[in-house]
Amino acid sequence: MSTPLEPVAPELLAGVAAMTVEDIRWKWCNIKAIALLPNILMRQQAIDAGATEALMLREGYVTEGTASNIFIVTGATVVTPPKNNLLLPGITRDLVVELCRSNGVSCLEEPVGEEQLRSADEIWLTSSTREILPVTRLDGEVVGDGTPGPLWLKLIGLYQDYKQAFREGRIE
């Protein structure tokens, strides 16, 4: 079964809310399996609390969202948790890392502590269906100045340009 992939709703591009939850999943989160019940329950918890996504914390570090990968921006540096057995790697995540690096944006793949997450200038969620979403509220607190940040604006532009070039056959 397949359905058309709808564009990201414009109101989401103004910024979404997220909340943190303890990552209670097993130790092989990098395996895409049918064992996603914890993700579903945590995502519903976020929705019930008025948030779009739940960001999972394990032993003081953010792993990922329930259906997304996570990026933070501190100053002029983009940081995303490294691929390992505690998160499901994403195609969009990998493309954002590639777009950063090929366009002169400092991008690190390293652990992101809870304090780093909470003090970030920008937070982004990435997924195939939602592309790159700015998080403007985390656990009820404003992220940055409460609007999508300048590096998000740059990356969403690069992402859209990449998609257009791919459609036109300029990228394989």
Protein backbone atom coordinates (compact mmCIF):
# COMPACT_ATOMS: atom_id res chain seq x y z
CA MET A 1 0.00 0.00 0.00
CA SER A 2 1.23 3.49 -0.73
CA THR A 3 -0.10 7.00 -0.39
CA PRO A 4 1.17 10.29 -1.77
CA LEU A 5 3.67 12.08 0.43
CA GLU A 6 2.17 15.46 1.27
CA PRO A 7 4.39 18.53 1.68
CA VAL A 8 5.20 19.59 5.22
CA ALA A 9 2.37 21.75 6.58
CA PRO A 10 3.49 25.42 6.45
CA GLU A 11 2.43 26.05 10.05
CA LEU A 12 4.99 23.45 11.22
CA LEU A 13 7.79 25.43 9.58
CA ALA A 14 7.15 28.25 12.06
CA GLY A 15 8.37 25.91 14.80
CA VAL A 16 7.03 23.04 16.82
CA ALA A 17 7.00 22.04 20.48
CA ALA A 18 8.87 19.03 21.79
CA MET A 19 9.23 17.44 25.18
CA THR A 20 11.82 15.16 26.71
CA VAL A 21 11.13 11.65 27.97
CA GLU A 22 13.34 8.93 29.40
CA ASP A 23 14.44 6.50 26.66
CA ILE A 24 13.04 3.18 27.91
CA ARG A 25 13.72 1.18 24.77
CA TRP A 26 15.94 -1.85 24.36
CA LYS A 27 19.63 -1.62 23.39
CA TRP A 28 19.28 -2.31 19.63
CA CYS A 29 17.40 0.82 18.50
CA ASN A 30 19.38 0.93 15.24
CA ILE A 31 17.42 -2.09 13.99
CA LYS A 32 14.20 -1.10 12.25
CA ALA A 33 11.80 -3.69 13.62
CA ILE A 34 8.19 -4.06 14.65
CA ALA A 35 9.20 -3.44 18.27
CA LEU A 36 8.24 0.25 18.13
CA LEU A 37 5.57 0.24 20.84
CA PRO A 38 7.68 2.38 23.23
CA ASN A 39 8.12 4.99 20.46
CA ILE A 40 4.39 5.04 19.81
CA LEU A 41 3.54 5.41 23.49
CA MET A 42 6.08 8.22 24.00
CA ARG A 43 4.87 10.01 20.86
CA GLN A 44 1.29 9.82 22.13
CA GLN A 45 2.49 11.20 25.48
CA ALA A 46 3.96 14.18 23.61
CA ILE A 47 0.79 14.74 21.59
CA ASP A 48 -1.32 14.56 24.75
CA ALA A 49 0.95 17.24 26.27
CA GLY A 50 0.53 19.51 23.21
CA ALA A 51 3.92 18.72 21.67
CA THR A 52 4.74 17.45 18.20
CA GLU A 53 7.57 15.13 19.24
CA ALA A 54 9.19 13.48 22.27
CA LEU A 55 12.97 13.61 22.47
CA MET A 56 14.42 10.62 24.28
CA LEU A 57 17.08 10.91 26.97
CA ARG A 58 19.23 7.98 28.06
CA GLU A 59 21.72 8.36 30.91
CA GLY A 60 21.88 12.14 30.47
CA TYR A 61 22.20 12.17 26.67
CA VAL A 62 19.63 12.73 23.93
CA THR A 63 19.35 9.80 21.55
CA GLU A 64 16.62 10.73 19.06
CA GLY A 65 12.95 11.60 18.73
CA THR A 66 10.25 8.96 18.65
CA ALA A 67 10.02 9.31 14.86
CA SER A 68 12.90 11.65 14.05
CA ASN A 69 16.59 12.33 14.44
CA ILE A 70 17.76 15.36 16.40
CA PHE A 71 20.18 18.19 15.69
CA ILE A 72 21.17 21.10 17.89
CA VAL A 73 22.94 24.31 17.01
CA THR A 74 25.33 26.02 19.39
CA GLY A 75 26.81 29.19 17.96
CA ALA A 76 27.75 28.34 14.38
CA THR A 77 28.11 24.58 14.95
CA VAL A 78 25.51 21.94 14.17
CA VAL A 79 25.69 18.79 16.32
CA THR A 80 23.84 15.49 15.99
CA PRO A 81 24.25 12.31 18.05
CA PRO A 82 26.52 9.77 16.34
CA LYS A 83 25.07 6.69 14.73
CA ASN A 84 25.23 3.75 17.10
CA ASN A 85 22.99 1.03 18.49
CA LEU A 86 20.91 3.55 20.49
CA LEU A 87 19.32 5.33 17.54
CA LEU A 88 17.79 4.51 14.20
CA PRO A 89 19.85 6.19 11.49
CA GLY A 90 17.89 8.33 9.08
CA ILE A 91 18.25 9.18 5.42
CA THR A 92 17.31 12.80 6.06
CA ARG A 93 19.75 12.95 8.98
CA ASP A 94 22.57 11.78 6.73
CA LEU A 95 21.60 14.25 4.00
CA VAL A 96 21.57 17.16 6.46
CA VAL A 97 25.05 16.19 7.67
CA GLU A 98 26.22 16.03 4.04
CA LEU A 99 24.60 19.37 3.16
CA CYS A 100 26.24 21.04 6.15
CA ARG A 101 29.68 19.73 5.33
CA SER A 102 29.49 20.46 1.60
CA ASN A 103 28.30 24.03 2.25
CA GLY A 104 30.83 25.14 4.85
CA VAL A 105 28.62 24.64 7.93
CA SER A 106 30.47 23.09 10.86
CA CYS A 107 28.71 19.80 11.68
CA LEU A 108 29.77 17.36 14.37
CA GLU A 109 28.51 13.86 15.08
CA GLU A 110 28.99 13.52 18.82
CA PRO A 111 26.97 12.84 21.96
CA VAL A 112 24.56 15.61 22.95
CA GLY A 113 24.08 16.01 26.69
CA GLU A 114 20.78 17.06 28.20
CA GLU A 115 22.24 20.43 29.27
CA GLN A 116 23.52 21.04 25.72
CA LEU A 117 20.04 20.26 24.41
CA ARG A 118 18.36 22.63 26.85
CA SER A 119 20.80 25.49 26.18
CA ALA A 120 20.95 25.07 22.38
CA ASP A 121 20.44 28.10 20.15
CA GLU A 122 18.43 25.94 17.74
CA ILE A 123 16.96 22.43 17.79
CA TRP A 124 15.87 20.57 14.65
CA LEU A 125 13.99 17.36 14.01
CA THR A 126 14.68 15.47 10.78
CA SER A 127 12.68 12.73 9.09
CA SER A 128 11.71 11.74 5.58
CA THR A 129 8.12 12.88 6.05
CA ARG A 130 8.77 16.08 7.98
CA GLU A 131 12.12 16.98 6.41
CA ILE A 132 13.80 19.50 8.78
CA LEU A 133 11.54 20.99 11.46
CA PRO A 134 12.63 23.70 13.88
CA VAL A 135 11.79 23.14 17.53
CA THR A 136 10.93 26.48 19.12
CA ARG A 137 9.71 25.15 22.49
CA LEU A 138 11.17 22.35 24.59
CA ASP A 139 9.38 21.19 27.74
CA GLY A 140 7.45 24.47 27.72
CA GLU A 141 10.59 26.63 27.51
CA VAL A 142 11.49 28.80 24.52
CA VAL A 143 14.37 27.56 22.36
CA GLY A 144 16.64 30.41 21.20
CA ASP A 145 14.44 33.42 20.57
CA GLY A 146 11.36 31.29 19.93
CA THR A 147 11.56 31.43 16.13
CA PRO A 148 13.32 29.21 13.58
CA GLY A 149 17.00 30.14 13.67
CA PRO A 150 19.37 31.36 10.95
CA LEU A 151 21.13 28.02 10.44
CA TRP A 152 17.78 26.26 10.08
CA LEU A 153 16.79 28.84 7.44
CA LYS A 154 20.03 28.14 5.58
CA LEU A 155 19.70 24.35 5.80
CA ILE A 156 16.03 24.20 4.82
CA GLY A 157 16.94 26.28 1.76
CA LEU A 158 19.80 23.94 0.89
CA TYR A 159 17.52 20.95 1.46
CA GLN A 160 14.81 22.33 -0.85
CA ASP A 161 17.44 23.17 -3.50
CA TYR A 162 18.77 19.60 -3.26
CA LYS A 163 15.29 18.13 -3.71
CA GLN A 164 14.67 20.31 -6.76
CA ALA A 165 18.01 19.38 -8.32
CA PHE A 166 17.23 15.70 -7.69
CA ARG A 167 13.80 16.04 -9.37
CA GLU A 168 15.45 17.68 -12.37
CA GLY A 169 18.04 14.90 -12.65
CA ARG A 170 20.99 17.13 -11.78
CA ILE A 171 21.78 14.86 -8.80
CA GLU A 172 21.73 11.07 -8.80
